[in-house]
PDB file of N, CA and C in Angstrom:
ATOM      1  N   THR A   1      -4.820  10.632   7.241  1.00  0.00           N
ATOM      2  CA  THR A   1      -5.337  11.571   8.548  1.00  0.00           C
ATOM      3  C   THR A   1      -4.407  12.448   9.031  1.00  0.00           C
ATOM      4  N   CYS A   2      -4.982  13.145  10.327  1.00  0.00           N
ATOM      5  CA  CYS A   2      -4.003  13.757  10.987  1.00  0.00           C
ATOM      6  C   CYS A   2      -2.925  13.177  11.677  1.00  0.00           C
ATOM      7  N   TYR A   3      -3.279  12.132  12.299  1.00  0.00           N
ATOM      8  CA  TYR A   3      -2.368  11.009  12.645  1.00  0.00           C
ATOM      9  C   TYR A   3      -1.048  10.978  11.976  1.00  0.00           C
ATOM     10  N   THR A   4      -1.533  10.881  10.864  1.00  0.00           N
ATOM     11  CA  THR A   4      -0.119  10.165   9.810  1.00  0.00           C
ATOM     12  C   THR A   4       0.610  11.371   9.209  1.00  0.00           C
ATOM     13  N   LYS A   5      -0.167  12.521   9.192  1.00  0.00           N
ATOM     14  CA  LYS A   5       0.328  14.037   8.867  1.00  0.00           C
ATOM     15  C   LYS A   5       1.606  14.072  10.304  1.00  0.00           C
ATOM     16  N   ILE A   6       1.078  14.205  11.399  1.00  0.00           N
ATOM     17  CA  ILE A   6       1.922  14.421  12.544  1.00  0.00           C
ATOM     18  C   ILE A   6       2.820  13.079  12.993  1.00  0.00           C
ATOM     19  N   LYS A   7       2.758  12.183  12.079  1.00  0.00           N
ATOM     20  CA  LYS A   7       3.701  10.953  12.243  1.00  0.00           C
ATOM     21  C   LYS A   7       3.290  10.109  13.449  1.00  0.00           C
ATOM     22  N   VAL A   8       2.013   9.929  13.934  1.00  0.00           N
ATOM     23  CA  VAL A   8       1.579   9.032  15.148  1.00  0.00           C
ATOM     24  C   VAL A   8       0.916   7.975  14.535  1.00  0.00           C
ATOM     25  N   TYR A   9       1.972   6.912  13.859  1.00  0.00           N
ATOM     26  CA  TYR A   9       1.402   5.888  13.073  1.00  0.00           C
ATOM     27  C   TYR A   9       0.845   4.832  13.709  1.00  0.00           C
ATOM     28  N   ASP A  10       1.008   4.678  15.179  1.00  0.00           N
ATOM     29  CA  ASP A  10       0.285   3.690  15.782  1.00  0.00           C
ATOM     30  C   ASP A  10      -1.257   4.125  15.747  1.00  0.00           C
ATOM     31  N   ASP A  11      -1.678   5.246  16.140  1.00  0.00           N
ATOM     32  CA  ASP A  11      -2.876   5.789  16.335  1.00  0.00           C
ATOM     33  C   ASP A  11      -3.378   5.872  14.730  1.00  0.00           C
ATOM     34  N   ALA A  12      -2.649   6.254  13.735  1.00  0.00           N
ATOM     35  CA  ALA A  12      -3.362   6.366  12.323  1.00  0.00           C
ATOM     36  C   ALA A  12      -3.656   5.018  12.028  1.00  0.00           C
ATOM     37  N   LYS A  13      -2.842   3.635  12.644  1.00  0.00           N
ATOM     38  CA  LYS A  13      -3.270   2.444  11.939  1.00  0.00           C
ATOM     39  C   LYS A  13      -4.483   1.966  12.305  1.00  0.00           C
ATOM     40  N   LEU A  14      -4.508   2.592  13.981  1.00  0.00           N
ATOM     41  CA  LEU A  14      -5.937   2.078  14.629  1.00  0.00           C
ATOM     42  C   LEU A  14      -6.970   2.776  13.879  1.00  0.00           C
ATOM     43  N   TYR A  15      -6.891   3.910  13.321  1.00  0.00           N
ATOM     44  CA  TYR A  15      -7.970   4.612  12.782  1.00  0.00           C
ATOM     45  C   TYR A  15      -8.290   4.007  11.611  1.00  0.00           C
ATOM     46  N   TYR A  16      -7.430   3.827  10.707  1.00  0.00           N
ATOM     47  CA  TYR A  16      -7.814   3.107   9.402  1.00  0.00           C
ATOM     48  C   TYR A  16      -8.348   1.557   9.695  1.00  0.00           C
ATOM     49  N   LEU A  17      -8.011   1.016  10.652  1.00  0.00           N
ATOM     50  CA  LEU A  17      -8.345  -0.404  10.756  1.00  0.00           C
ATOM     51  C   LEU A  17     -10.090  -0.041  11.498  1.00  0.00           C
ATOM     52  N   LYS A  18     -10.262   0.681  12.075  1.00  0.00           N
ATOM     53  CA  LYS A  18     -11.524   1.243  12.717  1.00  0.00           C
ATOM     54  C   LYS A  18     -12.482   1.518  11.514  1.00  0.00           C
ATOM     55  N   ALA A  19     -12.036   2.307  10.470  1.00  0.00           N
ATOM     56  CA  ALA A  19     -12.713   2.533   9.513  1.00  0.00           C
ATOM     57  C   ALA A  19     -13.311   1.335   8.851  1.00  0.00           C
ATOM     58  N   ILE A  20     -12.163   0.462   8.646  1.00  0.00           N
ATOM     59  CA  ILE A  20     -12.577  -0.674   7.805  1.00  0.00           C
ATOM     60  C   ILE A  20     -13.373  -1.578   8.427  1.00  0.00           C
ATOM     61  N   THR A  21     -13.473  -1.854   9.812  1.00  0.00           N
ATOM     62  CA  THR A  21     -14.267  -2.589  10.488  1.00  0.00           C
ATOM     63  C   THR A  21     -15.646  -1.880  10.774  1.00  0.00           C
ATOM     64  N   ASN A  22     -15.909  -0.661  10.624  1.00  0.00           N
ATOM     65  CA  ASN A  22     -16.849  -0.127  10.483  1.00  0.00           C
ATOM     66  C   ASN A  22     -17.665   0.020   8.837  1.00  0.00           C
ATOM     67  N   GLY A  23     -16.987  -0.433   7.938  1.00  0.00           N
ATOM     68  CA  GLY A  23     -17.686  -0.211   6.699  1.00  0.00           C
ATOM     69  C   GLY A  23     -17.230   0.828   6.074  1.00  0.00           C
ATOM     70  N   LEU A  24     -16.284   1.659   6.042  1.00  0.00           N
ATOM     71  CA  LEU A  24     -16.145   3.163   5.888  1.00  0.00           C
ATOM     72  C   LEU A  24     -14.748   3.005   5.198  1.00  0.00           C
ATOM     73  N   SER A  25     -14.771   1.753   4.251  1.00  0.00           N
ATOM     74  CA  SER A  25     -13.175   2.010   3.679  1.00  0.00           C
ATOM     75  C   SER A  25     -13.678   1.815   2.011  1.00  0.00           C
ATOM     76  N   ASN A  26     -12.386   2.118   1.601  1.00  0.00           N
ATOM     77  CA  ASN A  26     -12.231   2.104   0.042  1.00  0.00           C
ATOM     78  C   ASN A  26     -10.837   1.724  -0.477  1.00  0.00           C
ATOM     79  N   ASP A  27     -10.272   1.654  -1.393  1.00  0.00           N
ATOM     80  CA  ASP A  27      -8.887   1.731  -1.948  1.00  0.00           C
ATOM     81  C   ASP A  27      -8.153   2.386  -1.218  1.00  0.00           C
ATOM     82  N   ASN A  28      -8.641   3.795  -1.059  1.00  0.00           N
ATOM     83  CA  ASN A  28      -7.677   4.963  -0.366  1.00  0.00           C
ATOM     84  C   ASN A  28      -7.354   4.359   1.003  1.00  0.00           C
ATOM     85  N   VAL A  29      -8.081   3.892   1.764  1.00  0.00           N
ATOM     86  CA  VAL A  29      -7.959   3.687   3.251  1.00  0.00           C
ATOM     87  C   VAL A  29      -6.947   2.447   3.339  1.00  0.00           C
ATOM     88  N   TYR A  30      -7.136   1.639   2.303  1.00  0.00           N
ATOM     89  CA  TYR A  30      -6.218   0.256   2.540  1.00  0.00           C
ATOM     90  C   TYR A  30      -4.541   1.054   1.798  1.00  0.00           C
ATOM     91  N   PHE A  31      -4.535   1.707   1.034  1.00  0.00           N
ATOM     92  CA  PHE A  31      -3.526   2.205   0.707  1.00  0.00           C
ATOM     93  C   PHE A  31      -2.630   2.939   1.993  1.00  0.00           C
ATOM     94  N   SER A  32      -3.651   3.674   2.410  1.00  0.00           N
ATOM     95  CA  SER A  32      -3.035   4.437   3.900  1.00  0.00           C
ATOM     96  C   SER A  32      -2.642   3.480   4.444  1.00  0.00           C
ATOM     97  N   LEU A  33      -3.438   2.621   5.164  1.00  0.00           N
ATOM     98  CA  LEU A  33      -3.002   1.598   6.089  1.00  0.00           C
ATOM     99  C   LEU A  33      -1.714   1.075   5.395  1.00  0.00           C
ATOM    100  N   ALA A  34      -1.446   0.693   4.605  1.00  0.00           N
ATOM    101  CA  ALA A  34      -0.326  -0.030   3.877  1.00  0.00           C
ATOM    102  C   ALA A  34       0.845   0.923   4.200  1.00  0.00           C
ATOM    103  N   VAL A  35       0.540   2.067   3.822  1.00  0.00           N
ATOM    104  CA  VAL A  35       1.766   3.066   3.897  1.00  0.00           C
ATOM    105  C   VAL A  35       2.296   3.301   5.576  1.00  0.00           C
ATOM    106  N   THR A  36       1.136   3.248   6.336  1.00  0.00           N
ATOM    107  CA  THR A  36       1.397   3.575   7.620  1.00  0.00           C
ATOM    108  C   THR A  36       1.947   2.378   8.399  1.00  0.00           C
ATOM    109  N   CYS A  37       1.787   0.921   7.920  1.00  0.00           N
ATOM    110  CA  CYS A  37       2.526  -0.061   8.413  1.00  0.00           C
ATOM    111  C   CYS A  37       3.908  -0.136   8.050  1.00  0.00           C
ATOM    112  N   ILE A  38       4.046   0.396   6.866  1.00  0.00           N
ATOM    113  CA  ILE A  38       5.498   0.383   6.404  1.00  0.00           C
ATOM    114  C   ILE A  38       5.922   1.314   7.275  1.00  0.00           C
ATOM    115  N   HIS A  39       5.428   2.487   7.519  1.00  0.00           N
ATOM    116  CA  HIS A  39       6.460   3.342   8.436  1.00  0.00           C
ATOM    117  C   HIS A  39       6.318   2.792  10.041  1.00  0.00           C
ATOM    118  N   LEU A  40       5.539   1.770  10.111  1.00  0.00           N
ATOM    119  CA  LEU A  40       5.775   1.054  11.639  1.00  0.00           C
ATOM    120  C   LEU A  40       6.771   0.012  11.132  1.00  0.00           C
ATOM    121  N   ASP A  41       7.440  -0.336  10.084  1.00  0.00           N
ATOM    122  CA  ASP A  41       8.524  -1.474   9.940  1.00  0.00           C
ATOM    123  C   ASP A  41       7.522  -2.761  10.013  1.00  0.00           C
ATOM    124  N   GLN A  42       6.274  -2.852   9.292  1.00  0.00           N
ATOM    125  CA  GLN A  42       5.280  -3.880   9.340  1.00  0.00           C
ATOM    126  C   GLN A  42       5.133  -4.166   7.621  1.00  0.00           C
ATOM    127  N   GLN A  43       6.216  -4.211   7.333  1.00  0.00           N
ATOM    128  CA  GLN A  43       6.433  -4.568   5.540  1.00  0.00           C
ATOM    129  C   GLN A  43       5.595  -5.636   5.158  1.00  0.00           C
ATOM    130  N   GLU A  44       5.585  -6.830   6.051  1.00  0.00           N
ATOM    131  CA  GLU A  44       4.824  -7.978   5.603  1.00  0.00           C
ATOM    132  C   GLU A  44       3.437  -7.829   5.609  1.00  0.00           C
ATOM    133  N   TYR A  45       2.512  -6.998   6.485  1.00  0.00           N
ATOM    134  CA  TYR A  45       1.401  -6.710   6.507  1.00  0.00           C
ATOM    135  C   TYR A  45       1.045  -5.844   5.349  1.00  0.00           C
ATOM    136  N   ALA A  46       1.807  -4.785   5.241  1.00  0.00           N
ATOM    137  CA  ALA A  46       1.909  -3.859   4.037  1.00  0.00           C
ATOM    138  C   ALA A  46       1.419  -4.556   2.669  1.00  0.00           C
ATOM    139  N   LEU A  47       2.261  -5.700   2.571  1.00  0.00           N
ATOM    140  CA  LEU A  47       2.400  -6.513   1.682  1.00  0.00           C
ATOM    141  C   LEU A  47       0.984  -7.305   1.243  1.00  0.00           C
ATOM    142  N   GLU A  48       0.386  -7.848   2.268  1.00  0.00           N
ATOM    143  CA  GLU A  48      -0.312  -8.573   2.318  1.00  0.00           C
ATOM    144  C   GLU A  48      -2.063  -7.752   1.960  1.00  0.00           C
ATOM    145  N   ILE A  49      -1.688  -6.472   2.540  1.00  0.00           N
ATOM    146  CA  ILE A  49      -2.766  -5.586   1.805  1.00  0.00           C
ATOM    147  C   ILE A  49      -2.598  -5.091   0.527  1.00  0.00           C
ATOM    148  N   TYR A  50      -1.533  -5.200  -0.098  1.00  0.00           N
ATOM    149  CA  TYR A  50      -1.183  -4.915  -1.382  1.00  0.00           C
ATOM    150  C   TYR A  50      -1.984  -6.082  -2.377  1.00  0.00           C
ATOM    151  N   ASN A  51      -1.521  -7.405  -1.754  1.00  0.00           N
ATOM    152  CA  ASN A  51      -1.936  -8.694  -2.172  1.00  0.00           C
ATOM    153  C   ASN A  51      -3.561  -8.416  -2.516  1.00  0.00           C
ATOM    154  N   ASP A  52      -4.142  -8.472  -1.179  1.00  0.00           N
ATOM    155  CA  ASP A  52      -5.575  -8.452  -1.061  1.00  0.00           C
ATOM    156  C   ASP A  52      -6.079  -7.137  -2.144  1.00  0.00           C
ATOM    157  N   LEU A  53      -5.440  -6.213  -2.323  1.00  0.00           N
ATOM    158  CA  LEU A  53      -6.349  -5.057  -3.350  1.00  0.00           C
ATOM    159  C   LEU A  53      -6.035  -5.730  -4.926  1.00  0.00           C
ATOM    160  N   ILE A  54      -5.054  -6.352  -4.889  1.00  0.00           N
ATOM    161  CA  ILE A  54      -4.753  -6.935  -6.188  1.00  0.00           C
ATOM    162  C   ILE A  54      -5.615  -8.041  -6.574  1.00  0.00           C
ATOM    163  N   SER A  55      -5.777  -8.859  -5.557  1.00  0.00           N
ATOM    164  CA  SER A  55      -6.774 -10.167  -5.846  1.00  0.00           C
ATOM    165  C   SER A  55      -8.404  -9.492  -6.029  1.00  0.00           C
ATOM    166  N   LYS A  56      -8.630  -8.398  -5.447  1.00  0.00           N
ATOM    167  CA  LYS A  56      -9.940  -7.786  -5.699  1.00  0.00           C
ATOM    168  C   LYS A  56     -10.097  -7.230  -6.841  1.00  0.00           C
ATOM    169  N   ASN A  57      -9.049  -6.699  -7.639  1.00  0.00           N
ATOM    170  CA  ASN A  57      -9.123  -6.083  -8.621  1.00  0.00           C
ATOM    171  C   ASN A  57      -7.549  -6.054  -9.380  1.00  0.00           C
ATOM    172  N   GLU A  58      -7.538  -6.978 -10.174  1.00  0.00           N
ATOM    173  CA  GLU A  58      -6.336  -7.353 -10.971  1.00  0.00           C
ATOM    174  C   GLU A  58      -6.085  -6.239 -12.286  1.00  0.00           C
ATOM    175  N   LYS A  59      -6.851  -5.449 -12.033  1.00  0.00           N
ATOM    176  CA  LYS A  59      -6.437  -4.129 -12.922  1.00  0.00           C
ATOM    177  C   LYS A  59      -5.815  -2.850 -11.986  1.00  0.00           C
ATOM    178  N   ASN A  60      -5.745  -2.944 -10.842  1.00  0.00           N
ATOM    179  CA  ASN A  60      -5.339  -2.101  -9.938  1.00  0.00           C
ATOM    180  C   ASN A  60      -3.863  -1.554 -10.223  1.00  0.00           C
ATOM    181  N   GLY A  61      -3.458  -0.522 -10.889  1.00  0.00           N
ATOM    182  CA  GLY A  61      -2.276  -0.133 -11.444  1.00  0.00           C
ATOM    183  C   GLY A  61      -1.473   0.271 -10.186  1.00  0.00           C
ATOM    184  N   LYS A  62      -2.090   1.028  -9.392  1.00  0.00           N
ATOM    185  CA  LYS A  62      -1.375   1.680  -8.206  1.00  0.00           C
ATOM    186  C   LYS A  62      -0.852   0.571  -7.207  1.00  0.00           C
ATOM    187  N   ALA A  63      -1.936  -0.318  -7.231  1.00  0.00           N
ATOM    188  CA  ALA A  63      -1.685  -1.425  -6.100  1.00  0.00           C
ATOM    189  C   ALA A  63      -0.418  -2.368  -6.870  1.00  0.00           C
ATOM    190  N   TYR A  64      -0.357  -2.384  -7.762  1.00  0.00           N
ATOM    191  CA  TYR A  64       1.179  -3.242  -8.506  1.00  0.00           C
ATOM    192  C   TYR A  64       2.076  -2.460  -8.299  1.00  0.00           C
ATOM    193  N   PHE A  65       2.056  -0.915  -8.423  1.00  0.00           N
ATOM    194  CA  PHE A  65       3.198   0.091  -8.223  1.00  0.00           C
ATOM    195  C   PHE A  65       3.906   0.011  -6.727  1.00  0.00           C
ATOM    196  N   LEU A  66       2.643   0.223  -6.236  1.00  0.00           N
ATOM    197  CA  LEU A  66       3.331   0.070  -4.403  1.00  0.00           C
ATOM    198  C   LEU A  66       3.775  -1.111  -4.311  1.00  0.00           C
ATOM    199  N   ARG A  67       3.010  -2.160  -4.733  1.00  0.00           N
ATOM    200  CA  ARG A  67       3.546  -3.508  -3.987  1.00  0.00           C
ATOM    201  C   ARG A  67       5.100  -3.619  -4.755  1.00  0.00           C
ATOM    202  N   GLY A  68       5.070  -3.122  -5.902  1.00  0.00           N
ATOM    203  CA  GLY A  68       6.617  -3.317  -6.575  1.00  0.00           C
ATOM    204  C   GLY A  68       7.937  -2.257  -5.729  1.00  0.00           C
ATOM    205  N   LYS A  69       7.620  -1.310  -5.528  1.00  0.00           N
ATOM    206  CA  LYS A  69       8.417  -0.244  -4.353  1.00  0.00           C
ATOM    207  C   LYS A  69       8.668  -1.160  -3.285  1.00  0.00           C
ATOM    208  N   LEU A  70       7.557  -1.714  -2.706  1.00  0.00           N
ATOM    209  CA  LEU A  70       7.538  -2.314  -1.339  1.00  0.00           C
ATOM    210  C   LEU A  70       8.834  -3.910  -1.670  1.00  0.00           C
ATOM    211  N   LEU A  71       8.428  -4.468  -2.326  1.00  0.00           N
ATOM    212  CA  LEU A  71       9.252  -5.609  -2.682  1.00  0.00           C
ATOM    213  C   LEU A  71      10.645  -5.047  -3.043  1.00  0.00           C
ATOM    214  N   GLN A  72      10.851  -4.018  -3.878  1.00  0.00           N
ATOM    215  CA  GLN A  72      12.311  -3.840  -3.997  1.00  0.00           C
ATOM    216  C   GLN A  72      12.758  -3.238  -2.346  1.00  0.00           C
ATOM    217  N   LYS A  73      12.292  -2.488  -1.700  1.00  0.00           N
ATOM    218  CA  LYS A  73      12.972  -1.929  -0.555  1.00  0.00           C
ATOM    219  C   LYS A  73      13.043  -3.303   0.172  1.00  0.00           C
ATOM    220  N   MET A  74      12.280  -4.433   0.078  1.00  0.00           N
ATOM    221  CA  MET A  74      12.539  -5.735   0.874  1.00  0.00           C
ATOM    222  C   MET A  74      13.569  -6.251   0.419  1.00  0.00           C
ATOM    223  N   GLY A  75      13.984  -6.044  -0.855  1.00  0.00           N
ATOM    224  CA  GLY A  75      15.370  -6.889  -1.520  1.00  0.00           C
ATOM    225  C   GLY A  75      14.846  -7.511  -2.463  1.00  0.00           C
ATOM    226  N   ASN A  76      13.585  -7.799  -2.869  1.00  0.00           N
ATOM    227  CA  ASN A  76      13.304  -8.779  -3.960  1.00  0.00           C
ATOM    228  C   ASN A  76      13.033  -7.715  -5.193  1.00  0.00           C
ATOM    229  N   TYR A  77      13.933  -7.346  -5.812  1.00  0.00           N
ATOM    230  CA  TYR A  77      14.200  -6.430  -7.084  1.00  0.00           C
ATOM    231  C   TYR A  77      13.584  -7.117  -8.203  1.00  0.00           C
ATOM    232  N   LEU A  78      13.959  -8.294  -8.497  1.00  0.00           N
ATOM    233  CA  LEU A  78      12.982  -9.005  -9.691  1.00  0.00           C
ATOM    234  C   LEU A  78      11.383  -8.855  -9.802  1.00  0.00           C
ATOM    235  N   LYS A  79      10.743  -9.196  -8.615  1.00  0.00           N
ATOM    236  CA  LYS A  79       9.554  -9.205  -8.643  1.00  0.00           C
ATOM    237  C   LYS A  79       9.159  -7.773  -8.377  1.00  0.00           C
ATOM    238  N   GLY A  80       9.709  -7.088  -7.694  1.00  0.00           N
ATOM    239  CA  GLY A  80       9.376  -5.788  -7.471  1.00  0.00           C
ATOM    240  C   GLY A  80       9.218  -4.844  -9.044  1.00  0.00           C
ATOM    241  N   SER A  81      10.320  -5.188  -9.720  1.00  0.00           N
ATOM    242  CA  SER A  81      10.297  -4.831 -11.179  1.00  0.00           C
ATOM    243  C   SER A  81       9.427  -5.307 -12.090  1.00  0.00           C
ATOM    244  N   GLU A  82       9.089  -6.489 -11.894  1.00  0.00           N
ATOM    245  CA  GLU A  82       7.985  -6.928 -12.690  1.00  0.00           C
ATOM    246  C   GLU A  82       6.471  -6.276 -12.223  1.00  0.00           C
ATOM    247  N   ASP A  83       6.273  -5.992 -10.811  1.00  0.00           N
ATOM    248  CA  ASP A  83       5.347  -5.215 -10.525  1.00  0.00           C
ATOM    249  C   ASP A  83       5.197  -3.771 -11.087  1.00  0.00           C
ATOM    250  N   ILE A  84       6.257  -3.105 -11.024  1.00  0.00           N
ATOM    251  CA  ILE A  84       6.273  -1.912 -11.625  1.00  0.00           C
ATOM    252  C   ILE A  84       5.972  -1.765 -13.021  1.00  0.00           C
ATOM    253  N   GLY A  85       6.478  -2.860 -13.786  1.00  0.00           N
ATOM    254  CA  GLY A  85       5.902  -3.113 -15.336  1.00  0.00           C
ATOM    255  C   GLY A  85       4.604  -3.437 -15.316  1.00  0.00           C
ATOM    256  N   LYS A  86       3.803  -4.179 -14.616  1.00  0.00           N
ATOM    257  CA  LYS A  86       2.496  -4.675 -14.740  1.00  0.00           C
ATOM    258  C   LYS A  86       1.948  -3.173 -14.436  1.00  0.00           C
ATOM    259  N   ALA A  87       2.416  -2.336 -13.230  1.00  0.00           N
ATOM    260  CA  ALA A  87       1.408  -1.056 -13.131  1.00  0.00           C
ATOM    261  C   ALA A  87       1.701  -0.040 -14.553  1.00  0.00           C
ATOM    262  N   ALA A  88       2.771  -0.094 -15.061  1.00  0.00           N
ATOM    263  CA  ALA A  88       3.078   0.723 -16.326  1.00  0.00           C
ATOM    264  C   ALA A  88       2.128  -0.205 -17.475  1.00  0.00           C
ATOM    265  N   SER A  89       2.207  -1.375 -17.441  1.00  0.00           N
ATOM    266  CA  SER A  89       1.399  -2.016 -18.554  1.00  0.00           C
ATOM    267  C   SER A  89      -0.513  -1.607 -18.170  1.00  0.00           C
ATOM    268  N   LEU A  90      -0.803  -1.358 -17.028  1.00  0.00           N
ATOM    269  CA  LEU A  90      -2.010  -0.763 -16.766  1.00  0.00           C
ATOM    270  C   LEU A  90      -2.064   0.583 -16.746  1.00  0.00           C
ATOM    271  N   ASN A  91      -1.466   1.263 -17.587  1.00  0.00           N
ATOM    272  CA  ASN A  91      -1.471   2.706 -17.753  1.00  0.00           C
ATOM    273  C   ASN A  91      -1.146   3.699 -16.177  1.00  0.00           C
ATOM    274  N   PHE A  92      -0.735   3.081 -15.360  1.00  0.00           N
ATOM    275  CA  PHE A  92      -0.317   3.659 -13.557  1.00  0.00           C
ATOM    276  C   PHE A  92       1.385   3.917 -14.089  1.00  0.00           C
ATOM    277  N   TYR A  93       1.585   5.298 -14.392  1.00  0.00           N
ATOM    278  CA  TYR A  93       2.787   5.619 -14.379  1.00  0.00           C
ATOM    279  C   TYR A  93       3.208   6.879 -13.383  1.00  0.00           C
ATOM    280  N   GLY A  94       2.164   7.194 -12.448  1.00  0.00           N
ATOM    281  CA  GLY A  94       2.378   8.203 -11.436  1.00  0.00           C
ATOM    282  C   GLY A  94       3.355   7.684 -10.472  1.00  0.00           C
ATOM    283  N   TRP A  95       4.014   8.764  -9.879  1.00  0.00           N
ATOM    284  CA  TRP A  95       4.767   8.649  -8.459  1.00  0.00           C
ATOM    285  C   TRP A  95       4.259   9.010  -7.518  1.00  0.00           C
ATOM    286  N   VAL A  96       4.056   7.900  -6.401  1.00  0.00           N
ATOM    287  CA  VAL A  96       3.295   8.163  -5.186  1.00  0.00           C
ATOM    288  C   VAL A  96       4.391   7.916  -4.141  1.00  0.00           C
ATOM    289  N   LYS A  97       4.127   9.210  -3.181  1.00  0.00           N
ATOM    290  CA  LYS A  97       5.316   9.090  -2.061  1.00  0.00           C
ATOM    291  C   LYS A  97       4.652   8.146  -0.923  1.00  0.00           C
ATOM    292  N   THR A  98       5.859   7.281  -0.700  1.00  0.00           N
ATOM    293  CA  THR A  98       5.575   6.125   0.321  1.00  0.00           C
ATOM    294  C   THR A  98       6.078   6.444   1.657  1.00  0.00           C
ATOM    295  N   ASN A  99       6.952   7.540   1.490  1.00  0.00           N
ATOM    296  CA  ASN A  99       7.757   7.759   3.037  1.00  0.00           C
ATOM    297  C   ASN A  99       7.812   9.178   3.353  1.00  0.00           C
TER     298      ASN A  99
END
């Protein structure tokens, strides 16, 4: 959203939550919400979002990759590396800008 681009993360978070509440969401909305939460230092909430995405689709390589990067950022290098490996096994090799 434009809020994310201009780094108004509180408003961006509200925008994504409103879209979800109104049934206007897909994986990309959840990914954007998670990244926005990371910018707001709400890593645990972002982690919950990635966990939910994975529980809904265990073949979601992007969610494994981003969860892995977040876990590494949070100091859990082993689990983070496992998730990144899982993403690669699901043929997700792309790098996603998260900050």
